[in-house]
Amino acid sequence: MRGALAMLMLLIATGIDAAEVVVTQHAGKLAVRLLAVAYPQTLPKELISGLTNRIFVRVVLLESDKLLDQRVVEIALRYDLWDEEFLLVSTMNETVVDSRNLAGLPETQALLGALRLPDLFDIGRLAGKREYRLRVELLLNPIDQEKMRTIRKWVAQNTAPAIEGGQGGATPNTVFNRIFEQYADSDLAAAWRVTLASPAFRIESLKHEGN
């Protein structure tokens, strides 16, 4: 665990993009492990804020460029300031698939540094001699489009007008406006997002993973 945490912190500090999508099979289904994802440097502070942080993971199964299926996994992490432990709840397509307590920040960061997404797609529906690949998109604390419109309206109403004579202070909502402009055409806005892809694979070549 300490080794995984040290590697995660090293990758974040150096900015090396060495993230890897490892595909295996477990109980007749495709499973994925995301290794060395370069999360934001501010994530440890956000995790222990006491607020619920949400990581959304969309996994798309492709044959060539044809979309065969997809799954959406939501990982909610909330830090209990009193007990000093994390509650993790994972849902896939709105069904709870995992719920556990994590002892503290090191254990939580180690889990995120080798994030496992089990039982995603039924292998029985896939042909063994064909090549597949997975595209994985991660979002941290996304904001849906309706909330964006509400917040944008609030920003417009509360942005101070410029003062004649050039002595006016800078508008306090410039950063918000830039964020909104960046994701104006997106269904989801997020402070951080990353897209990964697995190498091409065949079902018969995948390793079997235990529990």
C-alpha atoms as a PDB file:
ATOM      1  CA  MET A   1       0.000   0.000   0.000  1.00  0.00           C
ATOM      2  CA  ARG A   2       2.832   2.395   0.869  1.00  0.00           C
ATOM      3  CA  GLY A   3       4.509   1.623  -2.455  1.00  0.00           C
ATOM      4  CA  ALA A   4       1.337   2.373  -4.424  1.00  0.00           C
ATOM      5  CA  LEU A   5       0.838   5.636  -2.522  1.00  0.00           C
ATOM      6  CA  ALA A   6       4.452   6.702  -3.070  1.00  0.00           C
ATOM      7  CA  MET A   7       4.201   5.999  -6.799  1.00  0.00           C
ATOM      8  CA  LEU A   8       0.934   7.943  -7.023  1.00  0.00           C
ATOM      9  CA  MET A   9       2.400  10.985  -5.273  1.00  0.00           C
ATOM     10  CA  LEU A  10       5.548  10.834  -7.429  1.00  0.00           C
ATOM     11  CA  LEU A  11       3.515  10.813 -10.635  1.00  0.00           C
ATOM     12  CA  ILE A  12       1.408  13.742  -9.460  1.00  0.00           C
ATOM     13  CA  ALA A  13       4.477  15.741  -8.423  1.00  0.00           C
ATOM     14  CA  THR A  14       6.379  15.155 -11.666  1.00  0.00           C
ATOM     15  CA  GLY A  15       3.361  15.485 -13.966  1.00  0.00           C
ATOM     16  CA  ILE A  16       4.191  12.193 -15.728  1.00  0.00           C
ATOM     17  CA  ASP A  17       1.221  10.776 -17.610  1.00  0.00           C
ATOM     18  CA  ALA A  18       1.768   7.048 -17.079  1.00  0.00           C
ATOM     19  CA  ALA A  19      -1.829   6.003 -16.509  1.00  0.00           C
ATOM     20  CA  GLU A  20      -2.650   2.475 -17.612  1.00  0.00           C
ATOM     21  CA  VAL A  21      -5.892   0.596 -18.272  1.00  0.00           C
ATOM     22  CA  VAL A  22      -5.455  -3.079 -17.361  1.00  0.00           C
ATOM     23  CA  VAL A  23      -8.238  -5.386 -18.578  1.00  0.00           C
ATOM     24  CA  THR A  24      -8.840  -8.797 -16.960  1.00  0.00           C
ATOM     25  CA  GLN A  25     -11.734 -11.207 -16.582  1.00  0.00           C
ATOM     26  CA  HIS A  26     -13.523 -12.068 -13.375  1.00  0.00           C
ATOM     27  CA  ALA A  27     -16.551 -14.327 -12.865  1.00  0.00           C
ATOM     28  CA  GLY A  28     -17.405 -14.275 -16.552  1.00  0.00           C
ATOM     29  CA  LYS A  29     -17.191 -10.511 -16.911  1.00  0.00           C
ATOM     30  CA  LEU A  30     -14.644  -7.922 -18.015  1.00  0.00           C
ATOM     31  CA  ALA A  31     -12.912  -6.118 -15.159  1.00  0.00           C
ATOM     32  CA  VAL A  32     -10.661  -3.065 -15.280  1.00  0.00           C
ATOM     33  CA  ARG A  33      -7.947  -1.659 -13.071  1.00  0.00           C
ATOM     34  CA  LEU A  34      -6.828   1.944 -13.589  1.00  0.00           C
ATOM     35  CA  LEU A  35      -3.211   2.417 -12.571  1.00  0.00           C
ATOM     36  CA  ALA A  36      -1.298   5.633 -11.858  1.00  0.00           C
ATOM     37  CA  VAL A  37      -4.006   8.097 -12.842  1.00  0.00           C
ATOM     38  CA  ALA A  38      -2.653  11.637 -12.349  1.00  0.00           C
ATOM     39  CA  TYR A  39      -5.338  13.101 -10.102  1.00  0.00           C
ATOM     40  CA  PRO A  40      -5.233  16.834  -9.267  1.00  0.00           C
ATOM     41  CA  GLN A  41      -2.681  17.903  -6.651  1.00  0.00           C
ATOM     42  CA  THR A  42      -5.541  19.388  -4.630  1.00  0.00           C
ATOM     43  CA  LEU A  43      -7.372  16.070  -4.319  1.00  0.00           C
ATOM     44  CA  PRO A  44      -6.000  15.069  -0.869  1.00  0.00           C
ATOM     45  CA  LYS A  45      -7.176  18.385   0.582  1.00  0.00           C
ATOM     46  CA  GLU A  46     -10.574  18.022  -1.055  1.00  0.00           C
ATOM     47  CA  LEU A  47     -10.950  14.469   0.220  1.00  0.00           C
ATOM     48  CA  ILE A  48     -10.547  15.458   3.877  1.00  0.00           C
ATOM     49  CA  SER A  49     -12.800  18.528   3.604  1.00  0.00           C
ATOM     50  CA  GLY A  50     -15.794  16.633   4.990  1.00  0.00           C
ATOM     51  CA  LEU A  51     -17.727  17.153   1.745  1.00  0.00           C
ATOM     52  CA  THR A  52     -18.674  14.273  -0.534  1.00  0.00           C
ATOM     53  CA  ASN A  53     -16.344  13.969  -3.532  1.00  0.00           C
ATOM     54  CA  ARG A  54     -17.586  12.087  -6.579  1.00  0.00           C
ATOM     55  CA  ILE A  55     -15.564  10.439  -9.305  1.00  0.00           C
ATOM     56  CA  PHE A  56     -17.569   9.443 -12.360  1.00  0.00           C
ATOM     57  CA  VAL A  57     -16.071   6.792 -14.636  1.00  0.00           C
ATOM     58  CA  ARG A  58     -17.578   6.012 -18.016  1.00  0.00           C
ATOM     59  CA  VAL A  59     -16.258   2.818 -19.627  1.00  0.00           C
ATOM     60  CA  VAL A  60     -17.040   2.267 -23.307  1.00  0.00           C
ATOM     61  CA  LEU A  61     -16.551  -1.124 -24.947  1.00  0.00           C
ATOM     62  CA  LEU A  62     -15.463  -0.844 -28.593  1.00  0.00           C
ATOM     63  CA  GLU A  63     -14.890  -3.219 -31.471  1.00  0.00           C
ATOM     64  CA  SER A  64     -12.823  -1.221 -33.950  1.00  0.00           C
ATOM     65  CA  ASP A  65     -14.696   2.096 -33.748  1.00  0.00           C
ATOM     66  CA  LYS A  66     -18.105   0.524 -33.112  1.00  0.00           C
ATOM     67  CA  LEU A  67     -19.619   1.156 -29.683  1.00  0.00           C
ATOM     68  CA  LEU A  68     -20.912  -2.140 -28.283  1.00  0.00           C
ATOM     69  CA  ASP A  69     -21.811  -1.215 -24.719  1.00  0.00           C
ATOM     70  CA  GLN A  70     -20.983   1.184 -21.903  1.00  0.00           C
ATOM     71  CA  ARG A  71     -21.133   1.419 -18.131  1.00  0.00           C
ATOM     72  CA  VAL A  72     -21.117   4.423 -15.809  1.00  0.00           C
ATOM     73  CA  VAL A  73     -19.584   4.008 -12.353  1.00  0.00           C
ATOM     74  CA  GLU A  74     -19.955   6.645  -9.643  1.00  0.00           C
ATOM     75  CA  ILE A  75     -17.518   6.527  -6.721  1.00  0.00           C
ATOM     76  CA  ALA A  76     -18.625   8.686  -3.795  1.00  0.00           C
ATOM     77  CA  LEU A  77     -16.116   9.383  -1.014  1.00  0.00           C
ATOM     78  CA  ARG A  78     -17.033  11.177   2.200  1.00  0.00           C
ATOM     79  CA  TYR A  79     -14.635  11.809   5.067  1.00  0.00           C
ATOM     80  CA  ASP A  80     -16.027  11.437   8.579  1.00  0.00           C
ATOM     81  CA  LEU A  81     -14.298  14.222  10.518  1.00  0.00           C
ATOM     82  CA  TRP A  82     -15.201  12.606  13.849  1.00  0.00           C
ATOM     83  CA  ASP A  83     -14.093   9.014  13.141  1.00  0.00           C
ATOM     84  CA  GLU A  84     -11.320  10.097  10.736  1.00  0.00           C
ATOM     85  CA  GLU A  85     -12.265   7.486   8.159  1.00  0.00           C
ATOM     86  CA  PHE A  86     -13.768   7.479   4.694  1.00  0.00           C
ATOM     87  CA  LEU A  87     -17.041   5.991   3.527  1.00  0.00           C
ATOM     88  CA  LEU A  88     -16.831   4.758  -0.055  1.00  0.00           C
ATOM     89  CA  VAL A  89     -19.965   3.926  -2.029  1.00  0.00           C
ATOM     90  CA  SER A  90     -19.709   2.780  -5.648  1.00  0.00           C
ATOM     91  CA  THR A  91     -22.704   2.520  -7.938  1.00  0.00           C
ATOM     92  CA  MET A  92     -22.868   1.210 -11.488  1.00  0.00           C
ATOM     93  CA  ASN A  93     -25.814   2.219 -13.630  1.00  0.00           C
ATOM     94  CA  GLU A  94     -27.457   3.473 -10.413  1.00  0.00           C
ATOM     95  CA  THR A  95     -27.036   0.139  -8.549  1.00  0.00           C
ATOM     96  CA  VAL A  96     -24.769  -0.048  -5.479  1.00  0.00           C
ATOM     97  CA  VAL A  97     -21.897  -2.460  -6.203  1.00  0.00           C
ATOM     98  CA  ASP A  98     -19.543  -1.633  -3.328  1.00  0.00           C
ATOM     99  CA  SER A  99     -19.765   0.016   0.088  1.00  0.00           C
ATOM    100  CA  ARG A 100     -16.957   0.074   2.629  1.00  0.00           C
ATOM    101  CA  ASN A 101     -15.049   2.113   5.185  1.00  0.00           C
ATOM    102  CA  LEU A 102     -11.441   3.123   4.518  1.00  0.00           C
ATOM    103  CA  ALA A 103      -9.101   3.717   7.437  1.00  0.00           C
ATOM    104  CA  GLY A 104      -7.708   7.078   6.335  1.00  0.00           C
ATOM    105  CA  LEU A 105      -6.191   9.169   3.571  1.00  0.00           C
ATOM    106  CA  PRO A 106      -3.250   6.831   2.734  1.00  0.00           C
ATOM    107  CA  GLU A 107      -5.565   3.849   2.229  1.00  0.00           C
ATOM    108  CA  THR A 108      -7.971   5.946   0.159  1.00  0.00           C
ATOM    109  CA  GLN A 109      -5.212   7.312  -2.088  1.00  0.00           C
ATOM    110  CA  ALA A 110      -3.787   3.806  -2.543  1.00  0.00           C
ATOM    111  CA  LEU A 111      -7.221   2.579  -3.655  1.00  0.00           C
ATOM    112  CA  LEU A 112      -7.554   5.437  -6.153  1.00  0.00           C
ATOM    113  CA  GLY A 113      -4.008   4.815  -7.387  1.00  0.00           C
ATOM    114  CA  ALA A 114      -5.020   1.296  -8.463  1.00  0.00           C
ATOM    115  CA  LEU A 115      -8.739   1.774  -8.968  1.00  0.00           C
ATOM    116  CA  ARG A 116     -10.595  -1.478  -9.670  1.00  0.00           C
ATOM    117  CA  LEU A 117     -13.831  -1.558 -11.676  1.00  0.00           C
ATOM    118  CA  PRO A 118     -15.119  -5.144 -11.529  1.00  0.00           C
ATOM    119  CA  ASP A 119     -17.803  -6.989 -13.474  1.00  0.00           C
ATOM    120  CA  LEU A 120     -18.414  -4.444 -16.213  1.00  0.00           C
ATOM    121  CA  PHE A 121     -19.397  -6.421 -19.325  1.00  0.00           C
ATOM    122  CA  ASP A 122     -20.624  -9.995 -19.851  1.00  0.00           C
ATOM    123  CA  ILE A 123     -17.894 -11.961 -21.638  1.00  0.00           C
ATOM    124  CA  GLY A 124     -20.416 -14.534 -22.879  1.00  0.00           C
ATOM    125  CA  ARG A 125     -21.757 -11.950 -25.323  1.00  0.00           C
ATOM    126  CA  LEU A 126     -18.337 -11.331 -26.900  1.00  0.00           C
ATOM    127  CA  ALA A 127     -16.579 -13.343 -29.582  1.00  0.00           C
ATOM    128  CA  GLY A 128     -13.242 -14.742 -28.429  1.00  0.00           C
ATOM    129  CA  LYS A 129     -11.264 -14.219 -31.636  1.00  0.00           C
ATOM    130  CA  ARG A 130     -12.203 -10.572 -32.161  1.00  0.00           C
ATOM    131  CA  GLU A 131     -10.248  -7.587 -30.911  1.00  0.00           C
ATOM    132  CA  TYR A 132     -11.795  -5.154 -28.467  1.00  0.00           C
ATOM    133  CA  ARG A 133     -10.647  -2.119 -26.555  1.00  0.00           C
ATOM    134  CA  LEU A 134     -11.984   0.083 -23.781  1.00  0.00           C
ATOM    135  CA  ARG A 135     -12.192   3.858 -23.586  1.00  0.00           C
ATOM    136  CA  VAL A 136     -12.346   5.217 -20.039  1.00  0.00           C
ATOM    137  CA  GLU A 137     -13.328   8.775 -19.126  1.00  0.00           C
ATOM    138  CA  LEU A 138     -12.998  10.061 -15.563  1.00  0.00           C
ATOM    139  CA  LEU A 139     -14.635  13.189 -14.158  1.00  0.00           C
ATOM    140  CA  LEU A 140     -14.115  14.662 -10.705  1.00  0.00           C
ATOM    141  CA  ASN A 141     -17.111  16.376  -9.075  1.00  0.00           C
ATOM    142  CA  PRO A 142     -19.047  17.046 -12.302  1.00  0.00           C
ATOM    143  CA  ILE A 143     -21.802  19.628 -12.481  1.00  0.00           C
ATOM    144  CA  ASP A 144     -24.826  18.852 -14.624  1.00  0.00           C
ATOM    145  CA  GLN A 145     -26.035  21.246 -17.287  1.00  0.00           C
ATOM    146  CA  GLU A 146     -29.075  22.437 -15.313  1.00  0.00           C
ATOM    147  CA  LYS A 147     -26.915  23.442 -12.346  1.00  0.00           C
ATOM    148  CA  MET A 148     -24.550  25.207 -14.752  1.00  0.00           C
ATOM    149  CA  ARG A 149     -27.393  27.337 -16.086  1.00  0.00           C
ATOM    150  CA  THR A 150     -28.501  28.228 -12.570  1.00  0.00           C
ATOM    151  CA  ILE A 151     -25.007  29.188 -11.452  1.00  0.00           C
ATOM    152  CA  ARG A 152     -24.329  31.121 -14.679  1.00  0.00           C
ATOM    153  CA  LYS A 153     -27.487  33.155 -14.070  1.00  0.00           C
ATOM    154  CA  TRP A 154     -26.352  33.909 -10.521  1.00  0.00           C
ATOM    155  CA  VAL A 155     -22.916  34.972 -11.805  1.00  0.00           C
ATOM    156  CA  ALA A 156     -24.484  37.317 -14.383  1.00  0.00           C
ATOM    157  CA  GLN A 157     -26.643  38.921 -11.716  1.00  0.00           C
ATOM    158  CA  ASN A 158     -23.797  39.334  -9.232  1.00  0.00           C
ATOM    159  CA  THR A 159     -20.909  40.437 -11.450  1.00  0.00           C
ATOM    160  CA  ALA A 160     -19.977  44.011 -10.548  1.00  0.00           C
ATOM    161  CA  PRO A 161     -19.978  46.480 -13.493  1.00  0.00           C
ATOM    162  CA  ALA A 162     -16.778  48.274 -14.376  1.00  0.00           C
ATOM    163  CA  ILE A 163     -16.308  51.665 -12.690  1.00  0.00           C
ATOM    164  CA  GLU A 164     -15.710  54.657 -14.936  1.00  0.00           C
ATOM    165  CA  GLY A 165     -12.242  56.175 -14.652  1.00  0.00           C
ATOM    166  CA  GLY A 166     -10.338  52.873 -14.689  1.00  0.00           C
ATOM    167  CA  GLN A 167     -10.067  52.489 -10.886  1.00  0.00           C
ATOM    168  CA  GLY A 168     -12.621  49.687 -10.570  1.00  0.00           C
ATOM    169  CA  GLY A 169     -11.577  46.403  -9.006  1.00  0.00           C
ATOM    170  CA  ALA A 170     -11.404  43.188 -10.996  1.00  0.00           C
ATOM    171  CA  THR A 171     -14.699  41.349 -11.312  1.00  0.00           C
ATOM    172  CA  PRO A 172     -14.738  38.524  -8.763  1.00  0.00           C
ATOM    173  CA  ASN A 173     -16.406  35.986 -11.061  1.00  0.00           C
ATOM    174  CA  THR A 174     -13.902  35.897 -13.930  1.00  0.00           C
ATOM    175  CA  VAL A 175     -12.737  32.389 -13.055  1.00  0.00           C
ATOM    176  CA  PHE A 176     -16.310  31.089 -12.977  1.00  0.00           C
ATOM    177  CA  ASN A 177     -17.056  32.631 -16.348  1.00  0.00           C
ATOM    178  CA  ARG A 178     -13.998  30.970 -17.880  1.00  0.00           C
ATOM    179  CA  ILE A 179     -15.050  27.578 -16.516  1.00  0.00           C
ATOM    180  CA  PHE A 180     -18.538  27.983 -17.933  1.00  0.00           C
ATOM    181  CA  GLU A 181     -17.212  29.030 -21.331  1.00  0.00           C
ATOM    182  CA  GLN A 182     -14.875  26.033 -21.412  1.00  0.00           C
ATOM    183  CA  TYR A 183     -17.662  23.509 -20.827  1.00  0.00           C
ATOM    184  CA  ALA A 184     -20.612  25.398 -22.330  1.00  0.00           C
ATOM    185  CA  ASP A 185     -21.166  22.755 -25.010  1.00  0.00           C
ATOM    186  CA  SER A 186     -20.722  19.768 -22.682  1.00  0.00           C
ATOM    187  CA  ASP A 187     -23.387  17.711 -20.946  1.00  0.00           C
ATOM    188  CA  LEU A 188     -21.182  17.708 -17.870  1.00  0.00           C
ATOM    189  CA  ALA A 189     -18.746  20.225 -16.483  1.00  0.00           C
ATOM    190  CA  ALA A 190     -15.931  19.179 -14.203  1.00  0.00           C
ATOM    191  CA  ALA A 191     -12.878  20.800 -12.697  1.00  0.00           C
ATOM    192  CA  TRP A 192     -10.824  17.780 -13.796  1.00  0.00           C
ATOM    193  CA  ARG A 193     -11.291  15.152 -16.458  1.00  0.00           C
ATOM    194  CA  VAL A 194      -9.102  12.623 -18.217  1.00  0.00           C
ATOM    195  CA  THR A 195      -9.664  10.084 -20.991  1.00  0.00           C
ATOM    196  CA  LEU A 196      -7.726   6.812 -21.160  1.00  0.00           C
ATOM    197  CA  ALA A 197      -7.734   3.855 -23.536  1.00  0.00           C
ATOM    198  CA  SER A 198      -6.755   0.232 -23.175  1.00  0.00           C
ATOM    199  CA  PRO A 199      -4.598  -1.618 -25.675  1.00  0.00           C
ATOM    200  CA  ALA A 200      -6.525  -3.859 -28.068  1.00  0.00           C
ATOM    201  CA  PHE A 201      -7.264  -7.254 -26.518  1.00  0.00           C
ATOM    202  CA  ARG A 202      -8.894 -10.600 -27.229  1.00  0.00           C
ATOM    203  CA  ILE A 203     -11.008 -12.395 -24.650  1.00  0.00           C
ATOM    204  CA  GLU A 204      -8.932 -15.599 -24.701  1.00  0.00           C
ATOM    205  CA  SER A 205      -5.768 -13.620 -23.908  1.00  0.00           C
ATOM    206  CA  LEU A 206      -7.110 -11.961 -20.744  1.00  0.00           C
ATOM    207  CA  LYS A 207      -5.861 -13.064 -17.352  1.00  0.00           C
ATOM    208  CA  HIS A 208      -8.314 -14.371 -14.785  1.00  0.00           C
ATOM    209  CA  GLU A 209      -8.541 -12.213 -11.665  1.00  0.00           C
ATOM    210  CA  GLY A 210      -9.438 -13.507  -8.217  1.00  0.00           C
ATOM    211  CA  ASN A 211     -11.630 -11.686  -5.689  1.00  0.00           C
END
